[in-house]
C-alpha atoms as a PDB file:
ATOM      1  CA  UNK A   1     -18.536 -18.843 -10.475  1.00  0.00           C
ATOM      2  CA  UNK A   2     -17.361 -15.345 -10.684  1.00  0.00           C
ATOM      3  CA  UNK A   3     -13.900 -15.561  -8.707  1.00  0.00           C
ATOM      4  CA  UNK A   4     -12.170 -16.986 -12.010  1.00  0.00           C
ATOM      5  CA  UNK A   5     -12.605 -13.935 -13.779  1.00  0.00           C
ATOM      6  CA  UNK A   6     -12.034 -11.370 -11.026  1.00  0.00           C
ATOM      7  CA  UNK A   7      -8.958 -13.283 -10.245  1.00  0.00           C
ATOM      8  CA  UNK A   8      -7.858 -13.192 -13.965  1.00  0.00           C
ATOM      9  CA  UNK A   9      -8.783  -9.546 -14.641  1.00  0.00           C
ATOM     10  CA  UNK A  10      -7.162  -8.530 -11.220  1.00  0.00           C
ATOM     11  CA  UNK A  11      -3.400 -10.228 -11.898  1.00  0.00           C
ATOM     12  CA  UNK A  12      -3.915  -8.600 -15.732  1.00  0.00           C
ATOM     13  CA  UNK A  13      -4.513  -5.105 -14.293  1.00  0.00           C
ATOM     14  CA  UNK A  14      -2.020  -5.722 -11.646  1.00  0.00           C
ATOM     15  CA  UNK A  15       0.815  -6.809 -14.443  1.00  0.00           C
ATOM     16  CA  UNK A  16      -0.238  -3.888 -16.618  1.00  0.00           C
ATOM     17  CA  UNK A  17       0.004  -1.445 -13.145  1.00  0.00           C
ATOM     18  CA  UNK A  18       3.693  -2.878 -12.566  1.00  0.00           C
ATOM     19  CA  UNK A  19       4.493  -2.360 -16.599  1.00  0.00           C
ATOM     20  CA  UNK A  20       3.177   1.249 -16.338  1.00  0.00           C
ATOM     21  CA  UNK A  21       4.937   2.007 -13.146  1.00  0.00           C
ATOM     22  CA  UNK A  22       8.129   0.910 -14.692  1.00  0.00           C
ATOM     23  CA  UNK A  23       7.647   3.451 -17.319  1.00  0.00           C
ATOM     24  CA  UNK A  24       6.610   5.916 -15.168  1.00  0.00           C
ATOM     25  CA  UNK A  25       9.947   5.360 -12.782  1.00  0.00           C
ATOM     26  CA  UNK A  26      12.285   4.940 -15.724  1.00  0.00           C
ATOM     27  CA  UNK A  27      10.876   8.066 -18.151  1.00  0.00           C
ATOM     28  CA  UNK A  28      11.356  10.277 -14.860  1.00  0.00           C
ATOM     29  CA  UNK A  29       7.853  11.344 -14.918  1.00  0.00           C
ATOM     30  CA  UNK A  30       7.298   9.966 -11.302  1.00  0.00           C
ATOM     31  CA  UNK A  31       7.050  13.377 -10.128  1.00  0.00           C
ATOM     32  CA  UNK A  32       5.277  15.434 -13.189  1.00  0.00           C
ATOM     33  CA  UNK A  33       2.232  15.568 -10.695  1.00  0.00           C
ATOM     34  CA  UNK A  34       3.790  16.699  -7.415  1.00  0.00           C
ATOM     35  CA  UNK A  35       0.427  16.363  -5.498  1.00  0.00           C
ATOM     36  CA  UNK A  36      -0.818  12.926  -3.990  1.00  0.00           C
ATOM     37  CA  UNK A  37      -3.665  11.629  -4.336  1.00  0.00           C
ATOM     38  CA  UNK A  38      -4.648  13.967  -6.984  1.00  0.00           C
ATOM     39  CA  UNK A  39      -2.789  16.138  -9.721  1.00  0.00           C
ATOM     40  CA  UNK A  40      -2.707  19.996  -8.965  1.00  0.00           C
ATOM     41  CA  UNK A  41      -6.032  20.035 -11.644  1.00  0.00           C
ATOM     42  CA  UNK A  42      -8.160  17.741  -9.834  1.00  0.00           C
ATOM     43  CA  UNK A  43      -9.538  14.581 -11.187  1.00  0.00           C
ATOM     44  CA  UNK A  44      -9.024  16.006 -14.646  1.00  0.00           C
ATOM     45  CA  UNK A  45      -5.533  16.144 -15.620  1.00  0.00           C
ATOM     46  CA  UNK A  46      -3.775  18.504 -17.344  1.00  0.00           C
ATOM     47  CA  UNK A  47      -1.324  17.173 -20.693  1.00  0.00           C
ATOM     48  CA  UNK A  48       1.765  17.489 -18.370  1.00  0.00           C
ATOM     49  CA  UNK A  49       0.229  14.684 -15.883  1.00  0.00           C
ATOM     50  CA  UNK A  50      -1.435  12.233 -18.476  1.00  0.00           C
ATOM     51  CA  UNK A  51       1.203   9.112 -17.750  1.00  0.00           C
ATOM     52  CA  UNK A  52       1.543   9.886 -13.867  1.00  0.00           C
ATOM     53  CA  UNK A  53      -2.384  10.122 -13.730  1.00  0.00           C
ATOM     54  CA  UNK A  54      -2.781   6.997 -15.814  1.00  0.00           C
ATOM     55  CA  UNK A  55      -0.860   4.991 -13.283  1.00  0.00           C
ATOM     56  CA  UNK A  56      -2.357   6.390 -10.325  1.00  0.00           C
ATOM     57  CA  UNK A  57      -5.806   5.442 -11.970  1.00  0.00           C
ATOM     58  CA  UNK A  58      -5.026   1.936 -12.775  1.00  0.00           C
ATOM     59  CA  UNK A  59      -3.429   1.624  -9.484  1.00  0.00           C
ATOM     60  CA  UNK A  60      -6.717   2.496  -7.788  1.00  0.00           C
ATOM     61  CA  UNK A  61      -8.574   0.068 -10.093  1.00  0.00           C
ATOM     62  CA  UNK A  62      -5.995  -2.491  -9.140  1.00  0.00           C
ATOM     63  CA  UNK A  63      -6.922  -1.926  -5.920  1.00  0.00           C
ATOM     64  CA  UNK A  64     -10.581  -2.224  -6.179  1.00  0.00           C
ATOM     65  CA  UNK A  65     -10.076  -5.433  -8.005  1.00  0.00           C
ATOM     66  CA  UNK A  66      -7.579  -7.039  -5.297  1.00  0.00           C
ATOM     67  CA  UNK A  67     -10.236  -6.314  -2.626  1.00  0.00           C
ATOM     68  CA  UNK A  68     -13.259  -7.584  -4.718  1.00  0.00           C
ATOM     69  CA  UNK A  69     -11.039 -10.910  -5.078  1.00  0.00           C
ATOM     70  CA  UNK A  70     -10.590 -11.049  -1.675  1.00  0.00           C
ATOM     71  CA  UNK A  71     -14.315 -10.627  -1.083  1.00  0.00           C
ATOM     72  CA  UNK A  72     -15.099 -13.440  -3.226  1.00  0.00           C
ATOM     73  CA  UNK A  73     -12.232 -15.625  -2.451  1.00  0.00           C
ATOM     74  CA  UNK A  74     -13.500 -15.114   1.331  1.00  0.00           C
ATOM     75  CA  UNK A  75     -17.164 -16.013   0.338  1.00  0.00           C
ATOM     76  CA  UNK A  76     -16.474 -19.164  -1.742  1.00  0.00           C
ATOM     77  CA  UNK A  77     -16.893 -22.411  -0.015  1.00  0.00           C
ATOM     78  CA  UNK A  78     -14.282 -23.740  -2.638  1.00  0.00           C
ATOM     79  CA  UNK A  79     -11.502 -22.194  -1.913  1.00  0.00           C
ATOM     80  CA  UNK A  80      -9.089 -23.582   1.136  1.00  0.00           C
ATOM     81  CA  UNK A  81      -7.816 -21.788   4.577  1.00  0.00           C
ATOM     82  CA  UNK A  82      -4.486 -21.127   2.818  1.00  0.00           C
ATOM     83  CA  UNK A  83      -5.825 -19.236  -0.484  1.00  0.00           C
ATOM     84  CA  UNK A  84      -7.832 -17.153   2.081  1.00  0.00           C
ATOM     85  CA  UNK A  85      -5.169 -16.216   3.851  1.00  0.00           C
ATOM     86  CA  UNK A  86      -3.106 -15.242   0.706  1.00  0.00           C
ATOM     87  CA  UNK A  87      -5.976 -13.130  -0.754  1.00  0.00           C
ATOM     88  CA  UNK A  88      -6.109 -11.147   2.742  1.00  0.00           C
ATOM     89  CA  UNK A  89      -2.022 -10.587   2.542  1.00  0.00           C
ATOM     90  CA  UNK A  90      -2.996  -9.332  -0.900  1.00  0.00           C
ATOM     91  CA  UNK A  91      -5.580  -6.780   0.194  1.00  0.00           C
ATOM     92  CA  UNK A  92      -3.007  -5.560   3.041  1.00  0.00           C
ATOM     93  CA  UNK A  93      -0.240  -5.393   0.481  1.00  0.00           C
ATOM     94  CA  UNK A  94      -2.180  -3.391  -1.947  1.00  0.00           C
ATOM     95  CA  UNK A  95      -3.294  -1.366   0.864  1.00  0.00           C
ATOM     96  CA  UNK A  96       0.429  -0.732   1.588  1.00  0.00           C
ATOM     97  CA  UNK A  97       1.061   0.057  -1.748  1.00  0.00           C
ATOM     98  CA  UNK A  98      -1.446   2.674  -1.879  1.00  0.00           C
ATOM     99  CA  UNK A  99       0.068   4.371   1.230  1.00  0.00           C
ATOM    100  CA  UNK A 100       3.475   4.079   0.383  1.00  0.00           C
ATOM    101  CA  UNK A 101       2.786   5.254  -3.140  1.00  0.00           C
ATOM    102  CA  UNK A 102       1.818   8.448  -1.474  1.00  0.00           C
ATOM    103  CA  UNK A 103       5.001   8.305   0.706  1.00  0.00           C
ATOM    104  CA  UNK A 104       7.257   8.122  -2.265  1.00  0.00           C
ATOM    105  CA  UNK A 105       5.677  11.128  -3.895  1.00  0.00           C
ATOM    106  CA  UNK A 106       5.775  13.233  -0.904  1.00  0.00           C
ATOM    107  CA  UNK A 107       9.308  12.195  -0.274  1.00  0.00           C
ATOM    108  CA  UNK A 108      10.316  13.182  -3.566  1.00  0.00           C
ATOM    109  CA  UNK A 109      11.132   9.194  -5.305  1.00  0.00           C
ATOM    110  CA  UNK A 110      13.637   8.730  -2.579  1.00  0.00           C
ATOM    111  CA  UNK A 111      15.576   5.966  -3.882  1.00  0.00           C
ATOM    112  CA  UNK A 112      14.959   3.406  -1.050  1.00  0.00           C
ATOM    113  CA  UNK A 113      11.279   3.812  -1.012  1.00  0.00           C
ATOM    114  CA  UNK A 114      10.792   3.435  -4.420  1.00  0.00           C
ATOM    115  CA  UNK A 115      12.651   0.036  -4.149  1.00  0.00           C
ATOM    116  CA  UNK A 116      10.621  -1.085  -1.617  1.00  0.00           C
ATOM    117  CA  UNK A 117       7.543   0.232  -3.412  1.00  0.00           C
ATOM    118  CA  UNK A 118       8.889  -1.801  -6.439  1.00  0.00           C
ATOM    119  CA  UNK A 119       9.534  -5.177  -3.935  1.00  0.00           C
ATOM    120  CA  UNK A 120       5.874  -4.888  -2.071  1.00  0.00           C
ATOM    121  CA  UNK A 121       4.426  -4.821  -5.886  1.00  0.00           C
ATOM    122  CA  UNK A 122       6.307  -7.978  -6.945  1.00  0.00           C
ATOM    123  CA  UNK A 123       4.906  -9.708  -3.761  1.00  0.00           C
ATOM    124  CA  UNK A 124       1.891  -8.506  -4.350  1.00  0.00           C
ATOM    125  CA  UNK A 125       1.991 -10.205  -7.668  1.00  0.00           C
ATOM    126  CA  UNK A 126       3.031 -13.540  -6.033  1.00  0.00           C
ATOM    127  CA  UNK A 127       0.087 -13.569  -4.034  1.00  0.00           C
ATOM    128  CA  UNK A 128      -2.681 -12.722  -6.807  1.00  0.00           C
ATOM    129  CA  UNK A 129      -1.117 -15.062  -8.881  1.00  0.00           C
ATOM    130  CA  UNK A 130      -1.106 -17.845  -6.427  1.00  0.00           C
ATOM    131  CA  UNK A 131      -4.918 -17.048  -5.850  1.00  0.00           C
ATOM    132  CA  UNK A 132      -5.318 -16.677  -9.521  1.00  0.00           C
ATOM    133  CA  UNK A 133      -3.551 -20.226 -10.107  1.00  0.00           C
ATOM    134  CA  UNK A 134      -5.637 -22.103  -7.148  1.00  0.00           C
ATOM    135  CA  UNK A 135      -9.334 -20.562  -9.069  1.00  0.00           C
ATOM    136  CA  UNK A 136      -8.055 -21.955 -11.998  1.00  0.00           C
ATOM    137  CA  UNK A 137      -7.256 -25.844 -10.513  1.00  0.00           C
ATOM    138  CA  UNK A 138     -10.798 -25.453  -8.765  1.00  0.00           C
ATOM    139  CA  UNK A 139     -12.446 -27.064 -11.920  1.00  0.00           C
ATOM    140  CA  UNK A 140      -9.991 -29.800 -12.093  1.00  0.00           C
ATOM    141  CA  UNK A 141     -10.553 -30.462  -8.477  1.00  0.00           C
ATOM    142  CA  UNK A 142     -14.367 -30.508  -8.925  1.00  0.00           C
ATOM    143  CA  UNK A 143     -13.858 -33.145 -11.898  1.00  0.00           C
ATOM    144  CA  UNK A 144     -11.954 -35.476  -9.510  1.00  0.00           C
ATOM    145  CA  UNK A 145     -14.657 -34.838  -6.855  1.00  0.00           C
ATOM    146  CA  UNK A 146     -17.291 -36.018  -9.326  1.00  0.00           C
ATOM    147  CA  UNK A 147     -15.270 -38.718 -10.468  1.00  0.00           C
ATOM    148  CA  UNK A 148     -14.330 -40.256  -7.181  1.00  0.00           C
ATOM    149  CA  UNK A 149     -18.037 -39.809  -5.194  1.00  0.00           C
ATOM    150  CA  UNK A 150     -19.386 -42.951  -4.429  1.00  0.00           C
ATOM    151  CA  UNK A 151     -21.758 -44.697  -6.786  1.00  0.00           C
ATOM    152  CA  UNK A 152     -20.708 -42.076  -9.551  1.00  0.00           C
ATOM    153  CA  UNK A 153     -19.499 -43.544 -12.756  1.00  0.00           C
ATOM    154  CA  UNK A 154     -15.835 -42.660 -13.245  1.00  0.00           C
ATOM    155  CA  UNK A 155     -15.917 -44.447  -9.153  1.00  0.00           C
ATOM    156  CA  UNK A 156     -17.541 -47.661 -10.732  1.00  0.00           C
ATOM    157  CA  UNK A 157     -15.181 -47.703 -13.684  1.00  0.00           C
ATOM    158  CA  UNK A 158     -11.827 -47.335 -11.007  1.00  0.00           C
ATOM    159  CA  UNK A 159     -13.487 -49.819  -9.016  1.00  0.00           C
ATOM    160  CA  UNK A 160     -13.917 -52.557 -12.182  1.00  0.00           C
ATOM    161  CA  UNK A 161     -10.236 -51.486 -13.486  1.00  0.00           C
ATOM    162  CA  UNK A 162      -8.742 -51.988  -9.885  1.00  0.00           C
ATOM    163  CA  UNK A 163     -10.738 -55.273  -9.714  1.00  0.00           C
ATOM    164  CA  UNK A 164      -9.337 -56.689 -13.085  1.00  0.00           C
ATOM    165  CA  UNK A 165      -5.766 -55.406 -12.022  1.00  0.00           C
ATOM    166  CA  UNK A 166      -6.182 -57.189  -8.514  1.00  0.00           C
ATOM    167  CA  UNK A 167      -7.323 -60.293 -10.430  1.00  0.00           C
ATOM    168  CA  UNK A 168      -4.463 -60.949 -12.949  1.00  0.00           C
END
């Protein structure tokens, strides 16, 4: 199952992105690269743009991971409908974050836009966390289903225990 490692990777990279974004915001380098989506030097950053460039690169990687997680979640037969909806919401939020991030740069770090960008990031993190948590619980659900299947050893043992308890 590839969904488990990709959901964890997405969560870890997203957390890193939020950490880097906090640094970019608090250190005042948010406009060190005033063009969007690329810095003035293009794909290869100049020394003055490195921190903001790293933030944008990690953001692009995060976006791809969130979209990949959504694709694997939607294709999984084991994930519930609700988790599939959460993964679609996460994908929509990541696309919204990319657009909003560009608007934040164009609008020269307007405080309200920066705050909305952070708030959307927190909601996105919550959505990815829900998906990752569900994926990690799938193994437990598989074990429970295997033990409760008719004719399985676990089910026969449960039936025998209930007969013993019922006869006391």
